[in-house]
N, C-alpha and C. Protein backbone atom coordinates (compact mmCIF):
# COMPACT_ATOMS: atom_id res chain seq x y z
N MET A 1 -11.56 -41.92 5.81
CA MET A 1 -11.69 -40.70 6.49
C MET A 1 -10.36 -40.20 7.03
N PHE A 2 -10.18 -38.88 7.17
CA PHE A 2 -8.96 -38.32 7.69
C PHE A 2 -8.87 -38.52 9.27
N GLU A 3 -7.64 -38.70 9.70
CA GLU A 3 -7.44 -38.70 11.13
C GLU A 3 -7.05 -37.26 11.54
N PHE A 4 -7.09 -37.09 12.82
CA PHE A 4 -6.76 -35.77 13.36
C PHE A 4 -5.40 -35.25 13.00
N ASP A 5 -4.36 -36.10 13.00
CA ASP A 5 -3.00 -35.70 12.66
C ASP A 5 -2.93 -35.28 11.18
N GLN A 6 -3.63 -35.97 10.33
CA GLN A 6 -3.63 -35.63 8.93
C GLN A 6 -4.32 -34.29 8.73
N TYR A 7 -5.42 -34.02 9.47
CA TYR A 7 -6.17 -32.75 9.36
C TYR A 7 -5.17 -31.61 9.86
N LEU A 8 -4.49 -31.80 10.89
CA LEU A 8 -3.48 -30.78 11.40
C LEU A 8 -2.39 -30.56 10.39
N GLY A 9 -1.89 -31.58 9.79
CA GLY A 9 -0.93 -31.49 8.70
C GLY A 9 -1.44 -30.66 7.56
N PHE A 10 -2.58 -30.97 7.10
CA PHE A 10 -3.22 -30.25 5.96
C PHE A 10 -3.41 -28.79 6.32
N LEU A 11 -3.87 -28.53 7.60
CA LEU A 11 -4.13 -27.13 8.00
C LEU A 11 -2.78 -26.36 8.02
N ALA A 12 -1.69 -26.98 8.59
CA ALA A 12 -0.39 -26.33 8.56
C ALA A 12 0.05 -26.07 7.18
N PHE A 13 -0.11 -26.97 6.32
CA PHE A 13 0.29 -26.81 4.87
C PHE A 13 -0.48 -25.65 4.24
N ALA A 14 -1.77 -25.63 4.42
CA ALA A 14 -2.61 -24.56 3.86
C ALA A 14 -2.21 -23.23 4.40
N ILE A 15 -1.93 -23.14 5.74
CA ILE A 15 -1.57 -21.83 6.33
C ILE A 15 -0.22 -21.34 5.71
N ILE A 16 0.73 -22.24 5.58
CA ILE A 16 2.07 -21.92 5.05
C ILE A 16 1.96 -21.49 3.61
N VAL A 17 1.08 -22.13 2.81
CA VAL A 17 0.87 -21.70 1.44
C VAL A 17 0.27 -20.37 1.27
N LEU A 18 -0.74 -20.12 2.17
CA LEU A 18 -1.40 -18.83 2.16
C LEU A 18 -0.50 -17.70 2.59
N ILE A 19 0.30 -17.91 3.61
CA ILE A 19 1.27 -16.90 4.04
C ILE A 19 2.26 -16.61 2.90
N GLY A 20 2.77 -17.64 2.20
CA GLY A 20 3.66 -17.43 1.09
C GLY A 20 3.00 -16.70 0.09
N PHE A 21 1.75 -17.06 -0.29
CA PHE A 21 1.06 -16.30 -1.35
C PHE A 21 0.92 -14.78 -1.08
N TRP A 22 0.50 -14.49 0.12
CA TRP A 22 0.32 -13.02 0.43
C TRP A 22 1.64 -12.32 0.53
N LEU A 23 2.72 -13.04 0.99
CA LEU A 23 3.99 -12.39 1.02
C LEU A 23 4.51 -12.17 -0.39
N MET A 24 4.29 -13.11 -1.31
CA MET A 24 4.71 -12.96 -2.69
C MET A 24 3.95 -11.82 -3.31
N LEU A 25 2.64 -11.70 -3.03
CA LEU A 25 1.86 -10.60 -3.53
C LEU A 25 2.36 -9.28 -3.09
N PHE A 26 2.69 -9.20 -1.79
CA PHE A 26 3.15 -7.93 -1.15
C PHE A 26 4.54 -7.56 -1.80
N LEU A 27 5.39 -8.53 -1.94
CA LEU A 27 6.73 -8.24 -2.45
C LEU A 27 6.67 -7.85 -3.97
N ALA A 28 5.79 -8.50 -4.68
CA ALA A 28 5.70 -8.22 -6.16
C ALA A 28 4.95 -6.96 -6.44
N ALA A 29 4.10 -6.48 -5.65
CA ALA A 29 3.28 -5.36 -6.02
C ALA A 29 3.52 -4.07 -5.23
N ILE A 30 3.68 -4.24 -3.90
CA ILE A 30 3.81 -3.06 -3.08
C ILE A 30 5.16 -2.52 -2.88
N VAL A 31 6.14 -3.44 -2.75
CA VAL A 31 7.58 -2.99 -2.53
C VAL A 31 8.06 -2.22 -3.78
N PRO A 32 7.90 -2.71 -4.99
CA PRO A 32 8.38 -1.91 -6.12
C PRO A 32 7.72 -0.43 -6.22
N TYR A 33 6.42 -0.39 -5.85
CA TYR A 33 5.76 0.89 -5.84
C TYR A 33 6.36 1.75 -4.80
N TRP A 34 6.71 1.23 -3.68
CA TRP A 34 7.25 2.00 -2.58
C TRP A 34 8.71 2.46 -2.94
N ILE A 35 9.46 1.61 -3.58
CA ILE A 35 10.85 1.97 -3.96
C ILE A 35 10.84 3.01 -5.10
N GLY A 36 9.87 2.85 -6.02
CA GLY A 36 9.77 3.85 -7.10
C GLY A 36 9.35 5.24 -6.53
N GLY A 37 8.46 5.24 -5.60
CA GLY A 37 8.06 6.49 -4.98
C GLY A 37 9.25 7.15 -4.26
N ALA A 38 10.02 6.39 -3.57
CA ALA A 38 11.22 6.93 -2.87
C ALA A 38 12.29 7.47 -3.84
N VAL A 39 12.49 6.81 -4.94
CA VAL A 39 13.43 7.25 -5.91
C VAL A 39 12.93 8.53 -6.58
N LYS A 40 11.67 8.66 -6.89
CA LYS A 40 11.03 9.81 -7.47
C LYS A 40 11.17 11.02 -6.51
N GLU A 41 10.91 10.80 -5.26
CA GLU A 41 11.03 11.86 -4.32
C GLU A 41 12.43 12.36 -4.16
N MET A 42 13.41 11.40 -4.15
CA MET A 42 14.85 11.77 -4.13
C MET A 42 15.28 12.59 -5.26
N LEU A 43 14.80 12.20 -6.51
CA LEU A 43 15.17 12.98 -7.72
C LEU A 43 14.52 14.37 -7.62
N ASP A 44 13.28 14.48 -7.19
CA ASP A 44 12.60 15.81 -7.00
C ASP A 44 13.33 16.66 -6.06
N GLU A 45 13.85 16.11 -4.95
CA GLU A 45 14.60 16.88 -3.97
C GLU A 45 15.93 17.43 -4.61
N LYS A 46 16.58 16.59 -5.28
CA LYS A 46 17.87 17.02 -5.96
C LYS A 46 17.57 18.14 -6.95
N LYS A 47 16.50 17.94 -7.79
CA LYS A 47 16.13 19.03 -8.70
C LYS A 47 15.84 20.28 -8.10
N GLU A 48 15.13 20.25 -6.97
CA GLU A 48 14.84 21.47 -6.20
C GLU A 48 16.02 22.08 -5.63
N LYS A 49 16.95 21.31 -5.17
CA LYS A 49 18.15 21.81 -4.55
C LYS A 49 18.97 22.56 -5.66
N LYS A 50 19.07 21.90 -6.87
CA LYS A 50 19.83 22.59 -7.95
C LYS A 50 19.15 23.88 -8.36
N ARG A 51 17.83 23.88 -8.36
CA ARG A 51 17.11 25.10 -8.75
C ARG A 51 17.34 26.18 -7.73
N LEU A 52 17.38 25.86 -6.47
CA LEU A 52 17.63 26.89 -5.39
C LEU A 52 19.08 27.38 -5.48
N GLU A 53 20.02 26.47 -5.80
CA GLU A 53 21.43 26.89 -5.89
C GLU A 53 21.64 27.83 -7.12
N LYS A 54 20.88 27.61 -8.18
CA LYS A 54 20.95 28.35 -9.42
C LYS A 54 20.31 29.72 -9.15
N GLU A 55 19.22 29.85 -8.35
CA GLU A 55 18.67 31.13 -8.09
C GLU A 55 19.60 31.94 -7.16
N ASN A 56 20.23 31.37 -6.20
CA ASN A 56 21.05 32.09 -5.23
C ASN A 56 22.34 32.51 -5.84
N ALA A 57 22.80 31.85 -6.90
CA ALA A 57 24.16 32.12 -7.50
C ALA A 57 24.18 33.35 -8.25
């Protein structure tokens, strides 16, 4: 049977693994989506600025 110290060690290990898993999932899925949206928005703003400069010239 497990002793209490071994149970705490296993619990700490499981928590660290789960935190790592969810952090990896966040970094692999959400961050690229966020960066891609920011780049698209920046390009749209530049396109709009050029269009406005062309109309005013």
